[in-house]
Structures are given as structure tokens and as C-alpha cells.
Amino acid sequence: APVLELSAASEDGHHDNAADDASGTGSAGKASAATA
């Protein structure tokens, strides 16, 4: 079965939100180059 490994939460306790991800301003958006 596909398994998604989870990393530790950030030390400052900040969690990205879906709006940031969609606009590209969250960690997912900032990591797009690395993802590519």
C-alpha cells in the first residue's frame, strides 16, 4: 500500500495552511523548485 512518511512539526509550531499552499506562499509553494 502507498505509505506517506510524516516529518516532525516545525520548532516554532507554525503549520502551513491550504490557502498558502494554493497561492504558493506556504512551505509547499516555496519547495516547488525542490519538488520539481
Full PDB file with SEQRES, HELIX, SHEET, SSBOND, CRYST1, ORIGX, SCALE, CONECT and MASTER records, all heavy atoms in Angstrom:
SEQRES   1 A   36  ALA PRO VAL LEU GLU LEU SER ALA ALA SER GLU ASP GLY          
SEQRES   2 A   36  HIS HIS ASP ASN ALA ALA ASP ASP ALA SER GLY THR GLY          
SEQRES   3 A   36  SER ALA GLY LYS ALA SER ALA ALA THR ALA                      
HELIX    1 AA1 ALA A   18  SER A   23  1                                   6    
HELIX    2 AA2 SER A   27  LYS A   30  1                                   4    
HELIX    3 AA3 SER A   32  THR A   35  1                                   4    
CRYST1    1.000    1.000    1.000  90.00  90.00  90.00 P 1           1          
ORIGX1      1.000000  0.000000  0.000000        0.00000                         
ORIGX2      0.000000  1.000000  0.000000        0.00000                         
ORIGX3      0.000000  0.000000  1.000000        0.00000                         
SCALE1      1.000000  0.000000  0.000000        0.00000                         
SCALE2      0.000000  1.000000  0.000000        0.00000                         
SCALE3      0.000000  0.000000  1.000000        0.00000                         
ATOM      1  N   ALA A   1       0.839  -1.191   0.000  1.00  0.00           N  
ATOM      2  CA  ALA A   1       0.000   0.000   0.000  1.00  0.00           C  
ATOM      3  C   ALA A   1       0.879   1.248   0.000  1.00  0.00           C  
ATOM      4  O   ALA A   1       1.978   1.234   0.555  1.00  0.00           O  
ATOM      5  CB  ALA A   1      -0.906   0.004   1.232  1.00  0.00           C  
ATOM      6  N   PRO A   2       0.440   2.336  -0.622  1.00  0.00           N  
ATOM      7  CA  PRO A   2       1.208   3.585  -0.562  1.00  0.00           C  
ATOM      8  C   PRO A   2       1.301   4.091   0.875  1.00  0.00           C  
ATOM      9  O   PRO A   2       0.306   4.127   1.599  1.00  0.00           O  
ATOM     10  CB  PRO A   2       0.385   4.540  -1.436  1.00  0.00           C  
ATOM     11  CG  PRO A   2      -0.427   3.658  -2.326  1.00  0.00           C  
ATOM     12  CD  PRO A   2      -0.738   2.449  -1.510  1.00  0.00           C  
ATOM     13  N   VAL A   3       2.515   4.495   1.274  1.00  0.00           N  
ATOM     14  CA  VAL A   3       2.750   4.971   2.640  1.00  0.00           C  
ATOM     15  C   VAL A   3       3.338   6.378   2.596  1.00  0.00           C  
ATOM     16  O   VAL A   3       4.352   6.614   1.936  1.00  0.00           O  
ATOM     17  CB  VAL A   3       3.706   4.032   3.411  1.00  0.00           C  
ATOM     18  CG1 VAL A   3       3.991   4.592   4.798  1.00  0.00           C  
ATOM     19  CG2 VAL A   3       3.113   2.631   3.513  1.00  0.00           C  
ATOM     20  N   LEU A   4       2.684   7.309   3.294  1.00  0.00           N  
ATOM     21  CA  LEU A   4       3.172   8.685   3.379  1.00  0.00           C  
ATOM     22  C   LEU A   4       3.916   8.871   4.688  1.00  0.00           C  
ATOM     23  O   LEU A   4       3.334   8.755   5.773  1.00  0.00           O  
ATOM     24  CB  LEU A   4       2.001   9.673   3.305  1.00  0.00           C  
ATOM     25  CG  LEU A   4       2.360  11.158   3.455  1.00  0.00           C  
ATOM     26  CD1 LEU A   4       3.211  11.627   2.280  1.00  0.00           C  
ATOM     27  CD2 LEU A   4       1.095  12.007   3.584  1.00  0.00           C  
ATOM     28  N   GLU A   5       5.225   9.141   4.599  1.00  0.00           N  
ATOM     29  CA  GLU A   5       6.033   9.375   5.791  1.00  0.00           C  
ATOM     30  C   GLU A   5       5.867  10.833   6.238  1.00  0.00           C  
ATOM     31  O   GLU A   5       5.963  11.750   5.429  1.00  0.00           O  
ATOM     32  CB  GLU A   5       7.509   9.078   5.503  1.00  0.00           C  
ATOM     33  CG  GLU A   5       7.788   7.644   5.067  1.00  0.00           C  
ATOM     34  CD  GLU A   5       7.556   6.631   6.181  1.00  0.00           C  
ATOM     35  OE1 GLU A   5       7.534   7.060   7.371  1.00  0.00           O  
ATOM     36  OE2 GLU A   5       7.395   5.437   5.870  1.00  0.00           O  
ATOM     37  N   LEU A   6       5.631  11.024   7.528  1.00  0.00           N  
ATOM     38  CA  LEU A   6       5.427  12.365   8.076  1.00  0.00           C  
ATOM     39  C   LEU A   6       6.693  12.851   8.767  1.00  0.00           C  
ATOM     40  O   LEU A   6       7.328  12.106   9.513  1.00  0.00           O  
ATOM     41  CB  LEU A   6       4.269  12.361   9.067  1.00  0.00           C  
ATOM     42  CG  LEU A   6       2.921  11.860   8.537  1.00  0.00           C  
ATOM     43  CD1 LEU A   6       1.860  11.934   9.646  1.00  0.00           C  
ATOM     44  CD2 LEU A   6       2.471  12.665   7.327  1.00  0.00           C  
ATOM     45  N   SER A   7       7.028  14.097   8.521  1.00  0.00           N  
ATOM     46  CA  SER A   7       8.204  14.683   9.172  1.00  0.00           C  
ATOM     47  C   SER A   7       7.777  15.391  10.453  1.00  0.00           C  
ATOM     48  O   SER A   7       6.584  15.627  10.693  1.00  0.00           O  
ATOM     49  CB  SER A   7       8.887  15.674   8.229  1.00  0.00           C  
ATOM     50  OG  SER A   7       7.994  16.722   7.872  1.00  0.00           O  
ATOM     51  N   ALA A   8       8.761  15.725  11.290  1.00  0.00           N  
ATOM     52  CA  ALA A   8       8.468  16.406  12.552  1.00  0.00           C  
ATOM     53  C   ALA A   8       7.903  17.797  12.294  1.00  0.00           C  
ATOM     54  O   ALA A   8       8.227  18.446  11.290  1.00  0.00           O  
ATOM     55  CB  ALA A   8       9.735  16.494  13.398  1.00  0.00           C  
ATOM     56  N   ALA A   9       7.039  18.247  13.190  1.00  0.00           N  
ATOM     57  CA  ALA A   9       6.487  19.596  13.072  1.00  0.00           C  
ATOM     58  C   ALA A   9       7.598  20.617  13.255  1.00  0.00           C  
ATOM     59  O   ALA A   9       8.611  20.356  13.912  1.00  0.00           O  
ATOM     60  CB  ALA A   9       5.398  19.813  14.121  1.00  0.00           C  
ATOM     61  N   SER A  10       7.433  21.800  12.669  1.00  0.00           N  
ATOM     62  CA  SER A  10       8.451  22.841  12.782  1.00  0.00           C  
ATOM     63  C   SER A  10       8.588  23.272  14.228  1.00  0.00           C  
ATOM     64  O   SER A  10       7.633  23.236  15.005  1.00  0.00           O  
ATOM     65  CB  SER A  10       8.078  24.049  11.906  1.00  0.00           C  
ATOM     66  OG  SER A  10       6.807  24.555  12.271  1.00  0.00           O  
ATOM     67  N   GLU A  11       9.793  23.707  14.611  1.00  0.00           N  
ATOM     68  CA  GLU A  11      10.086  24.044  16.011  1.00  0.00           C  
ATOM     69  C   GLU A  11       9.254  25.213  16.516  1.00  0.00           C  
ATOM     70  O   GLU A  11       8.903  25.283  17.693  1.00  0.00           O  
ATOM     71  CB  GLU A  11      11.568  24.363  16.161  1.00  0.00           C  
ATOM     72  CG  GLU A  11      12.472  23.154  15.921  1.00  0.00           C  
ATOM     73  CD  GLU A  11      13.929  23.490  16.119  1.00  0.00           C  
ATOM     74  OE1 GLU A  11      14.208  24.661  16.463  1.00  0.00           O  
ATOM     75  OE2 GLU A  11      14.778  22.603  15.943  1.00  0.00           O  
ATOM     76  N   ASP A  12       8.889  26.157  15.616  1.00  0.00           N  
ATOM     77  CA  ASP A  12       8.106  27.307  16.070  1.00  0.00           C  
ATOM     78  C   ASP A  12       6.616  26.992  16.157  1.00  0.00           C  
ATOM     79  O   ASP A  12       5.806  27.850  16.518  1.00  0.00           O  
ATOM     80  CB  ASP A  12       8.341  28.520  15.157  1.00  0.00           C  
ATOM     81  CG  ASP A  12       7.953  28.220  13.705  1.00  0.00           C  
ATOM     82  OD1 ASP A  12       7.427  27.122  13.440  1.00  0.00           O  
ATOM     83  OD2 ASP A  12       8.173  29.101  12.848  1.00  0.00           O  
ATOM     84  N   GLY A  13       6.271  25.736  15.782  1.00  0.00           N  
ATOM     85  CA  GLY A  13       4.876  25.332  15.889  1.00  0.00           C  
ATOM     86  C   GLY A  13       4.004  25.850  14.774  1.00  0.00           C  
ATOM     87  O   GLY A  13       2.787  25.673  14.790  1.00  0.00           O  
ATOM     88  N   HIS A  14       4.592  26.527  13.784  1.00  0.00           N  
ATOM     89  CA  HIS A  14       3.812  27.072  12.671  1.00  0.00           C  
ATOM     90  C   HIS A  14       3.439  25.957  11.704  1.00  0.00           C  
ATOM     91  O   HIS A  14       4.260  25.130  11.341  1.00  0.00           O  
ATOM     92  CB  HIS A  14       4.626  28.133  11.925  1.00  0.00           C  
ATOM     93  CG  HIS A  14       3.941  28.642  10.683  1.00  0.00           C  
ATOM     94  ND1 HIS A  14       2.848  29.465  10.738  1.00  0.00           N  
ATOM     95  CD2 HIS A  14       4.200  28.418   9.374  1.00  0.00           C  
ATOM     96  CE1 HIS A  14       2.460  29.747   9.500  1.00  0.00           C  
ATOM     97  NE2 HIS A  14       3.259  29.116   8.659  1.00  0.00           N  
ATOM     98  N   HIS A  15       2.180  25.967  11.294  1.00  0.00           N  
ATOM     99  CA  HIS A  15       1.694  24.989  10.327  1.00  0.00           C  
ATOM    100  C   HIS A  15       1.209  25.715   9.086  1.00  0.00           C  
ATOM    101  O   HIS A  15       0.465  26.693   9.175  1.00  0.00           O  
ATOM    102  CB  HIS A  15       0.532  24.173  10.924  1.00  0.00           C  
ATOM    103  CG  HIS A  15       0.933  23.373  12.125  1.00  0.00           C  
ATOM    104  ND1 HIS A  15       0.085  23.170  13.187  1.00  0.00           N  
ATOM    105  CD2 HIS A  15       2.091  22.744  12.440  1.00  0.00           C  
ATOM    106  CE1 HIS A  15       0.691  22.436  14.105  1.00  0.00           C  
ATOM    107  NE2 HIS A  15       1.906  22.174  13.676  1.00  0.00           N  
ATOM    108  N   ASP A  16       1.623  25.244   7.928  1.00  0.00           N  
ATOM    109  CA  ASP A  16       1.169  25.859   6.689  1.00  0.00           C  
ATOM    110  C   ASP A  16      -0.324  25.648   6.535  1.00  0.00           C  
ATOM    111  O   ASP A  16      -0.874  24.652   6.963  1.00  0.00           O  
ATOM    112  CB  ASP A  16       1.886  25.223   5.487  1.00  0.00           C  
ATOM    113  CG  ASP A  16       3.372  25.448   5.571  1.00  0.00           C  
ATOM    114  OD1 ASP A  16       3.774  26.493   6.100  1.00  0.00           O  
ATOM    115  OD2 ASP A  16       4.121  24.558   5.104  1.00  0.00           O  
ATOM    116  N   ASN A  17      -1.014  26.568   5.877  1.00  0.00           N  
ATOM    117  CA  ASN A  17      -2.439  26.365   5.615  1.00  0.00           C  
ATOM    118  C   ASN A  17      -2.673  26.163   4.143  1.00  0.00           C  
ATOM    119  O   ASN A  17      -1.827  26.418   3.303  1.00  0.00           O  
ATOM    120  CB  ASN A  17      -3.281  27.537   6.153  1.00  0.00           C  
ATOM    121  CG  ASN A  17      -2.866  28.875   5.542  1.00  0.00           C  
ATOM    122  OD1 ASN A  17      -2.769  28.982   4.332  1.00  0.00           O  
ATOM    123  ND2 ASN A  17      -2.625  29.883   6.374  1.00  0.00           N  
ATOM    124  N   ALA A  18      -3.888  25.693   3.819  1.00  0.00           N  
ATOM    125  CA  ALA A  18      -4.197  25.335   2.436  1.00  0.00           C  
ATOM    126  C   ALA A  18      -4.132  26.539   1.516  1.00  0.00           C  
ATOM    127  O   ALA A  18      -3.746  26.439   0.357  1.00  0.00           O  
ATOM    128  CB  ALA A  18      -5.585  24.687   2.374  1.00  0.00           C  
ATOM    129  N   ALA A  19      -4.529  27.724   2.049  1.00  0.00           N  
ATOM    130  CA  ALA A  19      -4.504  28.925   1.209  1.00  0.00           C  
ATOM    131  C   ALA A  19      -3.084  29.259   0.802  1.00  0.00           C  
ATOM    132  O   ALA A  19      -2.812  29.638  -0.344  1.00  0.00           O  
ATOM    133  CB  ALA A  19      -5.129  30.102   1.963  1.00  0.00           C  
ATOM    134  N   ASP A  20      -2.147  29.159   1.755  1.00  0.00           N  
ATOM    135  CA  ASP A  20      -0.743  29.432   1.439  1.00  0.00           C  
ATOM    136  C   ASP A  20      -0.240  28.462   0.387  1.00  0.00           C  
ATOM    137  O   ASP A  20       0.466  28.841  -0.546  1.00  0.00           O  
ATOM    138  CB  ASP A  20       0.120  29.316   2.695  1.00  0.00           C  
ATOM    139  CG  ASP A  20      -0.059  30.513   3.617  1.00  0.00           C  
ATOM    140  OD1 ASP A  20      -0.623  31.521   3.162  1.00  0.00           O  
ATOM    141  OD2 ASP A  20       0.356  30.416   4.790  1.00  0.00           O  
ATOM    142  N   ASP A  21      -0.588  27.164   0.533  1.00  0.00           N  
ATOM    143  CA  ASP A  21      -0.140  26.162  -0.422  1.00  0.00           C  
ATOM    144  C   ASP A  21      -0.691  26.461  -1.805  1.00  0.00           C  
ATOM    145  O   ASP A  21      -0.013  26.314  -2.818  1.00  0.00           O  
ATOM    146  CB  ASP A  21      -0.580  24.764   0.023  1.00  0.00           C  
ATOM    147  CG  ASP A  21       0.202  24.301   1.244  1.00  0.00           C  
ATOM    148  OD1 ASP A  21       1.274  24.872   1.496  1.00  0.00           O  
ATOM    149  OD2 ASP A  21      -0.278  23.374   1.920  1.00  0.00           O  
ATOM    150  N   ALA A  22      -1.970  26.863  -1.859  1.00  0.00           N  
ATOM    151  CA  ALA A  22      -2.600  27.110  -3.154  1.00  0.00           C  
ATOM    152  C   ALA A  22      -1.981  28.312  -3.839  1.00  0.00           C  
ATOM    153  O   ALA A  22      -1.833  28.342  -5.065  1.00  0.00           O  
ATOM    154  CB  ALA A  22      -4.104  27.334  -2.976  1.00  0.00           C  
ATOM    155  N   SER A  23      -1.614  29.344  -3.041  1.00  0.00           N  
ATOM    156  CA  SER A  23      -1.052  30.552  -3.635  1.00  0.00           C  
ATOM    157  C   SER A  23       0.443  30.442  -3.866  1.00  0.00           C  
ATOM    158  O   SER A  23       1.036  31.274  -4.545  1.00  0.00           O  
ATOM    159  CB  SER A  23      -1.333  31.745  -2.704  1.00  0.00           C  
ATOM    160  OG  SER A  23      -0.657  31.568  -1.469  1.00  0.00           O  
ATOM    161  N   GLY A  24       1.056  29.408  -3.263  1.00  0.00           N  
ATOM    162  CA  GLY A  24       2.490  29.220  -3.457  1.00  0.00           C  
ATOM    163  C   GLY A  24       3.331  29.952  -2.446  1.00  0.00           C  
ATOM    164  O   GLY A  24       4.542  30.031  -2.585  1.00  0.00           O  
ATOM    165  N   THR A  25       2.673  30.532  -1.380  1.00  0.00           N  
ATOM    166  CA  THR A  25       3.440  31.280  -0.394  1.00  0.00           C  
ATOM    167  C   THR A  25       3.791  30.443   0.818  1.00  0.00           C  
ATOM    168  O   THR A  25       4.583  30.851   1.645  1.00  0.00           O  
ATOM    169  CB  THR A  25       2.655  32.519   0.068  1.00  0.00           C  
ATOM    170  OG1 THR A  25       1.389  32.086   0.611  1.00  0.00           O  
ATOM    171  CG2 THR A  25       2.402  33.453  -1.106  1.00  0.00           C  
ATOM    172  N   GLY A  26       3.168  29.265   0.973  1.00  0.00           N  
ATOM    173  CA  GLY A  26       3.472  28.383   2.097  1.00  0.00           C  
ATOM    174  C   GLY A  26       4.703  27.562   1.811  1.00  0.00           C  
ATOM    175  O   GLY A  26       5.376  27.726   0.790  1.00  0.00           O  
ATOM    176  N   SER A  27       5.010  26.638   2.725  1.00  0.00           N  
ATOM    177  CA  SER A  27       6.222  25.822   2.567  1.00  0.00           C  
ATOM    178  C   SER A  27       6.129  24.946   1.339  1.00  0.00           C  
ATOM    179  O   SER A  27       7.130  24.685   0.671  1.00  0.00           O  
ATOM    180  CB  SER A  27       6.442  24.965   3.818  1.00  0.00           C  
ATOM    181  OG  SER A  27       5.387  24.035   3.977  1.00  0.00           O  
ATOM    182  N   ALA A  28       4.892  24.482   1.014  1.00  0.00           N  
ATOM    183  CA  ALA A  28       4.738  23.649  -0.177  1.00  0.00           C  
ATOM    184  C   ALA A  28       5.055  24.454  -1.427  1.00  0.00           C  
ATOM    185  O   ALA A  28       5.683  23.961  -2.369  1.00  0.00           O  
ATOM    186  CB  ALA A  28       3.313  23.085  -0.252  1.00  0.00           C  
ATOM    187  N   GLY A  29       4.603  25.748  -1.426  1.00  0.00           N  
ATOM    188  CA  GLY A  29       4.891  26.577  -2.586  1.00  0.00           C  
ATOM    189  C   GLY A  29       6.357  26.896  -2.698  1.00  0.00           C  
ATOM    190  O   GLY A  29       6.944  26.849  -3.776  1.00  0.00           O  
ATOM    191  N   LYS A  30       6.996  27.212  -1.537  1.00  0.00           N  
ATOM    192  CA  LYS A  30       8.418  27.541  -1.544  1.00  0.00           C  
ATOM    193  C   LYS A  30       9.276  26.344  -1.941  1.00  0.00           C  
ATOM    194  O   LYS A  30      10.375  26.502  -2.432  1.00  0.00           O  
ATOM    195  CB  LYS A  30       8.835  28.042  -0.157  1.00  0.00           C  
ATOM    196  CG  LYS A  30       8.171  29.358   0.232  1.00  0.00           C  
ATOM    197  CD  LYS A  30       8.517  29.746   1.651  1.00  0.00           C  
ATOM    198  CE  LYS A  30       7.827  31.046   2.063  1.00  0.00           C  
ATOM    199  NZ  LYS A  30       8.109  31.402   3.463  1.00  0.00           N  
ATOM    200  N   ALA A  31       8.740  25.156  -1.710  1.00  0.00           N  
ATOM    201  CA  ALA A  31       9.526  23.949  -2.009  1.00  0.00           C  
ATOM    202  C   ALA A  31       9.271  23.423  -3.405  1.00  0.00           C  
ATOM    203  O   ALA A  31       9.745  22.357  -3.767  1.00  0.00           O  
ATOM    204  CB  ALA A  31       9.199  22.855  -0.988  1.00  0.00           C  
ATOM    205  N   SER A  32       8.513  24.186  -4.225  1.00  0.00           N  
ATOM    206  CA  SER A  32       8.130  23.682  -5.541  1.00  0.00           C  
ATOM    207  C   SER A  32       9.337  23.397  -6.423  1.00  0.00           C  
ATOM    208  O   SER A  32       9.351  22.423  -7.182  1.00  0.00           O  
ATOM    209  CB  SER A  32       7.196  24.685  -6.239  1.00  0.00           C  
ATOM    210  OG  SER A  32       7.848  25.930  -6.390  1.00  0.00           O  
ATOM    211  N   ALA A  33      10.371  24.271  -6.336  1.00  0.00           N  
ATOM    212  CA  ALA A  33      11.558  24.045  -7.165  1.00  0.00           C  
ATOM    213  C   ALA A  33      12.246  22.751  -6.782  1.00  0.00           C  
ATOM    214  O   ALA A  33      12.651  21.960  -7.638  1.00  0.00           O  
ATOM    215  CB  ALA A  33      12.527  25.220  -7.017  1.00  0.00           C  
ATOM    216  N   ALA A  34      12.367  22.533  -5.461  1.00  0.00           N  
ATOM    217  CA  ALA A  34      12.998  21.296  -5.000  1.00  0.00           C  
ATOM    218  C   ALA A  34      12.169  20.097  -5.390  1.00  0.00           C  
ATOM    219  O   ALA A  34      12.694  19.040  -5.763  1.00  0.00           O  
ATOM    220  CB  ALA A  34      13.168  21.332  -3.479  1.00  0.00           C  
ATOM    221  N   THR A  35      10.836  20.247  -5.336  1.00  0.00           N  
ATOM    222  CA  THR A  35       9.949  19.152  -5.713  1.00  0.00           C  
ATOM    223  C   THR A  35      10.125  18.800  -7.178  1.00  0.00           C  
ATOM    224  O   THR A  35      10.159  17.635  -7.558  1.00  0.00           O  
ATOM    225  CB  THR A  35       8.478  19.549  -5.452  1.00  0.00           C  
ATOM    226  OG1 THR A  35       8.327  19.864  -4.080  1.00  0.00           O  
ATOM    227  CG2 THR A  35       7.534  18.424  -5.832  1.00  0.00           C  
ATOM    228  N   ALA A  36      10.229  19.832  -8.020  1.00  0.00           N  
ATOM    229  CA  ALA A  36      10.414  19.588  -9.442  1.00  0.00           C  
ATOM    230  C   ALA A  36      11.697  18.829  -9.702  1.00  0.00           C  
ATOM    231  O   ALA A  36      11.750  17.926 -10.537  1.00  0.00           O  
ATOM    232  CB  ALA A  36      10.421  20.926 -10.203  1.00  0.00           C  
TER     233      ALA A  36                                                      
MASTER        0    0    0    3    0    0    0    6  232    1    0    3          
END                                                                             
